[in-house]
Amino acid sequence: MFPRSHLIVRRSLHTTSPLLSSSSSPSILEVSLRNALKTSMKAKDKPAASCLKAILADITNSAKSGPNPNEPGTQESVLNVVKKGISQRLQAAESYAPNSPSAHPENHASLTSEINLLRSFLPTAPSEQSLRSSINKIISALPEDVRSSKSVTGKVLAALWEELGESKGGVDKKEVGKWVQEALKKL
């Protein structure tokens, strides 16, 4: 039989394998969130620290439930978690708004500050006007047979995401999809 100390060493090696492996590094957004958490904790800003801890826990849960649980989340997955956190806080803030039936101004103000904090980490999105003009430019560049096909929306969106590059992270994809549909109906 193996001595008991051997089992402890094996168990610790098994549980620390992500630390020993050459896994990829966390996304830039996750690193900036962690740095902001450190800063808020040093400044004793409890509301900001609490919000950042919650988002980072959601990011960790998302990465652990993904296809590679030992790898950190991608930039896009971290961005999606932050957007989801903002969306959840917006819904909660609406229920606490001063004009709602269950008004709680202090909760509304707290949620609003959390929303602003999380939005500060999102990449800057292009303006609606510039997005609409890019959509129109892409549609007009397509051949007539492609414009009449059923898959034209996907092709326009793919070309738009390619054109936007890194700044596509700050864009509301559902809203842009609606704009593409509107532009296609005008043809």
Protein backbone atom coordinates (compact mmCIF):
# COMPACT_ATOMS: atom_id res chain seq x y z
CA MET A 1 0.00 0.00 0.00
CA PHE A 2 0.98 3.60 -0.47
CA PRO A 3 1.80 5.70 2.55
CA ARG A 4 -0.88 8.26 3.44
CA SER A 5 1.40 11.18 2.58
CA HIS A 6 1.59 9.91 -1.00
CA LEU A 7 -2.20 10.24 -1.34
CA ILE A 8 -2.10 13.80 -0.08
CA VAL A 9 0.59 14.72 -2.59
CA ARG A 10 -1.35 13.07 -5.42
CA ARG A 11 -4.56 14.84 -4.40
CA SER A 12 -2.84 18.22 -4.21
CA LEU A 13 -1.22 17.70 -7.61
CA HIS A 14 -4.59 16.76 -9.04
CA THR A 15 -6.36 19.80 -7.64
CA THR A 16 -3.62 22.24 -8.63
CA SER A 17 -3.10 20.99 -12.16
CA PRO A 18 -4.36 24.23 -13.77
CA LEU A 19 -1.63 26.07 -11.94
CA LEU A 20 1.03 23.70 -13.20
CA SER A 21 -0.19 23.48 -16.77
CA SER A 22 0.54 26.05 -19.42
CA SER A 23 -3.04 27.25 -19.79
CA SER A 24 -3.92 30.42 -21.62
CA SER A 25 -4.08 33.67 -19.76
CA PRO A 26 -7.30 35.46 -18.80
CA SER A 27 -8.82 37.98 -21.18
CA ILE A 28 -7.86 41.64 -21.03
CA LEU A 29 -11.32 42.55 -19.77
CA GLU A 30 -11.14 40.02 -16.94
CA VAL A 31 -7.71 41.33 -15.92
CA SER A 32 -9.00 44.90 -15.87
CA LEU A 33 -12.00 43.83 -13.77
CA ARG A 34 -9.69 42.09 -11.29
CA ASN A 35 -7.44 45.16 -11.11
CA ALA A 36 -10.48 47.36 -10.51
CA LEU A 37 -11.56 45.01 -7.73
CA LYS A 38 -8.17 45.37 -6.06
CA THR A 39 -8.35 49.14 -6.37
CA SER A 40 -11.87 49.31 -4.96
CA MET A 41 -10.92 47.07 -2.05
CA LYS A 42 -7.90 49.24 -1.25
CA ALA A 43 -10.11 52.33 -1.41
CA LYS A 44 -12.67 50.57 0.82
CA ASP A 45 -15.37 51.16 -1.78
CA LYS A 46 -17.65 48.33 -0.65
CA PRO A 47 -20.43 48.79 -3.24
CA ALA A 48 -17.96 48.72 -6.15
CA ALA A 49 -16.05 45.79 -4.66
CA SER A 50 -19.28 43.85 -4.14
CA CYS A 51 -20.42 44.47 -7.71
CA LEU A 52 -17.04 43.48 -9.16
CA LYS A 53 -16.87 40.35 -7.01
CA ALA A 54 -20.29 39.30 -8.25
CA ILE A 55 -19.36 39.83 -11.91
CA LEU A 56 -16.04 38.03 -11.49
CA ALA A 57 -17.85 35.10 -9.84
CA ASP A 58 -20.22 34.99 -12.82
CA ILE A 59 -17.23 35.05 -15.18
CA THR A 60 -15.59 32.18 -13.30
CA ASN A 61 -18.84 30.17 -13.31
CA SER A 62 -19.24 30.79 -17.02
CA ALA A 63 -15.70 29.62 -17.74
CA LYS A 64 -16.04 26.55 -15.53
CA SER A 65 -19.27 25.50 -17.19
CA GLY A 66 -17.82 25.98 -20.67
CA PRO A 67 -16.20 23.37 -22.90
CA ASN A 68 -12.75 23.80 -21.27
CA PRO A 69 -13.33 24.19 -17.52
CA ASN A 70 -9.63 24.58 -16.76
CA GLU A 71 -9.21 27.46 -19.21
CA PRO A 72 -10.16 31.06 -18.48
CA GLY A 73 -13.03 32.59 -20.42
CA THR A 74 -12.45 34.23 -23.77
CA GLN A 75 -12.74 37.98 -24.23
CA GLU A 76 -16.13 37.51 -25.89
CA SER A 77 -17.51 35.27 -23.12
CA VAL A 78 -16.34 37.71 -20.44
CA LEU A 79 -17.92 40.55 -22.38
CA ASN A 80 -21.19 38.61 -22.61
CA VAL A 81 -21.20 38.04 -18.84
CA VAL A 82 -20.65 41.76 -18.19
CA LYS A 83 -23.46 42.64 -20.61
CA LYS A 84 -25.75 40.12 -18.92
CA GLY A 85 -24.89 41.64 -15.52
CA ILE A 86 -25.77 45.08 -16.84
CA SER A 87 -29.05 43.77 -18.26
CA GLN A 88 -30.01 42.14 -14.96
CA ARG A 89 -29.24 45.31 -13.04
CA LEU A 90 -31.25 47.40 -15.52
CA GLN A 91 -34.30 45.20 -14.95
CA ALA A 92 -33.91 45.40 -11.19
CA ALA A 93 -33.38 49.18 -11.32
CA GLU A 94 -36.64 49.56 -13.27
CA SER A 95 -38.55 47.80 -10.51
CA TYR A 96 -37.03 50.15 -7.90
CA ALA A 97 -37.39 53.34 -9.96
CA PRO A 98 -39.04 56.30 -8.24
CA ASN A 99 -42.08 56.10 -10.54
CA SER A 100 -42.60 52.34 -10.07
CA PRO A 101 -45.19 50.84 -7.67
CA SER A 102 -42.47 49.56 -5.34
CA ALA A 103 -40.18 52.58 -5.31
CA HIS A 104 -36.93 52.29 -3.37
CA PRO A 105 -34.74 55.26 -4.33
CA GLU A 106 -31.70 53.97 -2.43
CA ASN A 107 -31.78 50.61 -4.23
CA HIS A 108 -32.35 52.33 -7.57
CA ALA A 109 -29.37 54.64 -6.99
CA SER A 110 -27.17 51.71 -5.95
CA LEU A 111 -28.09 49.68 -9.03
CA THR A 112 -27.60 52.70 -11.28
CA SER A 113 -24.08 53.19 -9.94
CA GLU A 114 -23.34 49.48 -10.50
CA ILE A 115 -24.62 49.76 -14.08
CA ASN A 116 -22.39 52.77 -14.71
CA LEU A 117 -19.41 50.96 -13.19
CA LEU A 118 -19.91 47.89 -15.40
CA ARG A 119 -20.54 49.99 -18.51
CA SER A 120 -17.19 51.67 -17.99
CA PHE A 121 -15.53 48.33 -18.80
CA LEU A 122 -17.35 47.86 -22.11
CA PRO A 123 -15.55 48.88 -25.29
CA THR A 124 -16.85 52.06 -26.86
CA ALA A 125 -19.47 51.32 -29.46
CA PRO A 126 -19.79 53.16 -32.75
CA SER A 127 -22.70 55.56 -32.99
CA GLU A 128 -26.07 54.46 -34.34
CA GLN A 129 -25.62 56.75 -37.33
CA SER A 130 -22.25 55.26 -38.28
CA LEU A 131 -23.60 51.72 -37.86
CA ARG A 132 -26.61 52.45 -40.07
CA SER A 133 -24.41 54.01 -42.76
CA SER A 134 -22.09 50.96 -42.65
CA ILE A 135 -25.11 48.67 -43.01
CA ASN A 136 -26.38 50.63 -46.01
CA LYS A 137 -22.91 50.64 -47.59
CA ILE A 138 -22.57 46.86 -47.16
CA ILE A 139 -26.05 46.21 -48.57
CA SER A 140 -25.46 48.42 -51.60
CA ALA A 141 -22.16 46.61 -52.32
CA LEU A 142 -23.88 43.22 -52.47
CA PRO A 143 -24.85 41.78 -55.87
CA GLU A 144 -28.59 41.81 -56.67
CA ASP A 145 -28.96 38.01 -56.46
CA VAL A 146 -27.43 37.98 -52.96
CA ARG A 147 -29.71 40.83 -51.81
CA SER A 148 -32.78 38.79 -52.76
CA SER A 149 -31.60 35.59 -51.03
CA LYS A 150 -32.85 34.45 -47.64
CA SER A 151 -29.36 34.47 -46.11
CA VAL A 152 -28.68 38.12 -46.87
CA THR A 153 -29.13 39.24 -43.24
CA GLY A 154 -26.41 36.87 -42.06
CA LYS A 155 -24.06 37.99 -44.82
CA VAL A 156 -24.61 41.66 -44.01
CA LEU A 157 -24.05 41.05 -40.29
CA ALA A 158 -20.91 38.99 -40.95
CA ALA A 159 -19.49 41.78 -43.13
CA LEU A 160 -20.41 44.37 -40.49
CA TRP A 161 -18.73 42.41 -37.65
CA GLU A 162 -15.62 42.05 -39.80
CA GLU A 163 -15.61 45.79 -40.52
CA LEU A 164 -16.09 46.70 -36.84
CA GLY A 165 -13.35 44.39 -35.55
CA GLU A 166 -12.74 44.88 -31.82
CA SER A 167 -15.38 47.58 -31.44
CA LYS A 168 -18.17 45.08 -32.15
CA GLY A 169 -18.12 44.13 -28.46
CA GLY A 170 -19.90 47.32 -27.46
CA VAL A 171 -22.67 46.87 -30.03
CA ASP A 172 -26.12 45.50 -29.20
CA LYS A 173 -26.42 42.68 -31.74
CA LYS A 174 -30.21 42.42 -31.52
CA GLU A 175 -30.62 46.11 -32.23
CA VAL A 176 -28.22 45.96 -35.18
CA GLY A 177 -30.12 42.95 -36.53
CA LYS A 178 -33.31 45.03 -36.48
CA TRP A 179 -31.54 47.84 -38.33
CA VAL A 180 -30.35 45.40 -41.00
CA GLN A 181 -33.91 44.11 -41.44
CA GLU A 182 -35.20 47.70 -41.75
CA ALA A 183 -32.55 48.55 -44.34
CA LEU A 184 -33.34 45.43 -46.35
CA LYS A 185 -37.08 46.23 -46.38
CA LYS A 186 -36.33 49.63 -47.93
CA LEU A 187 -34.83 48.00 -51.01
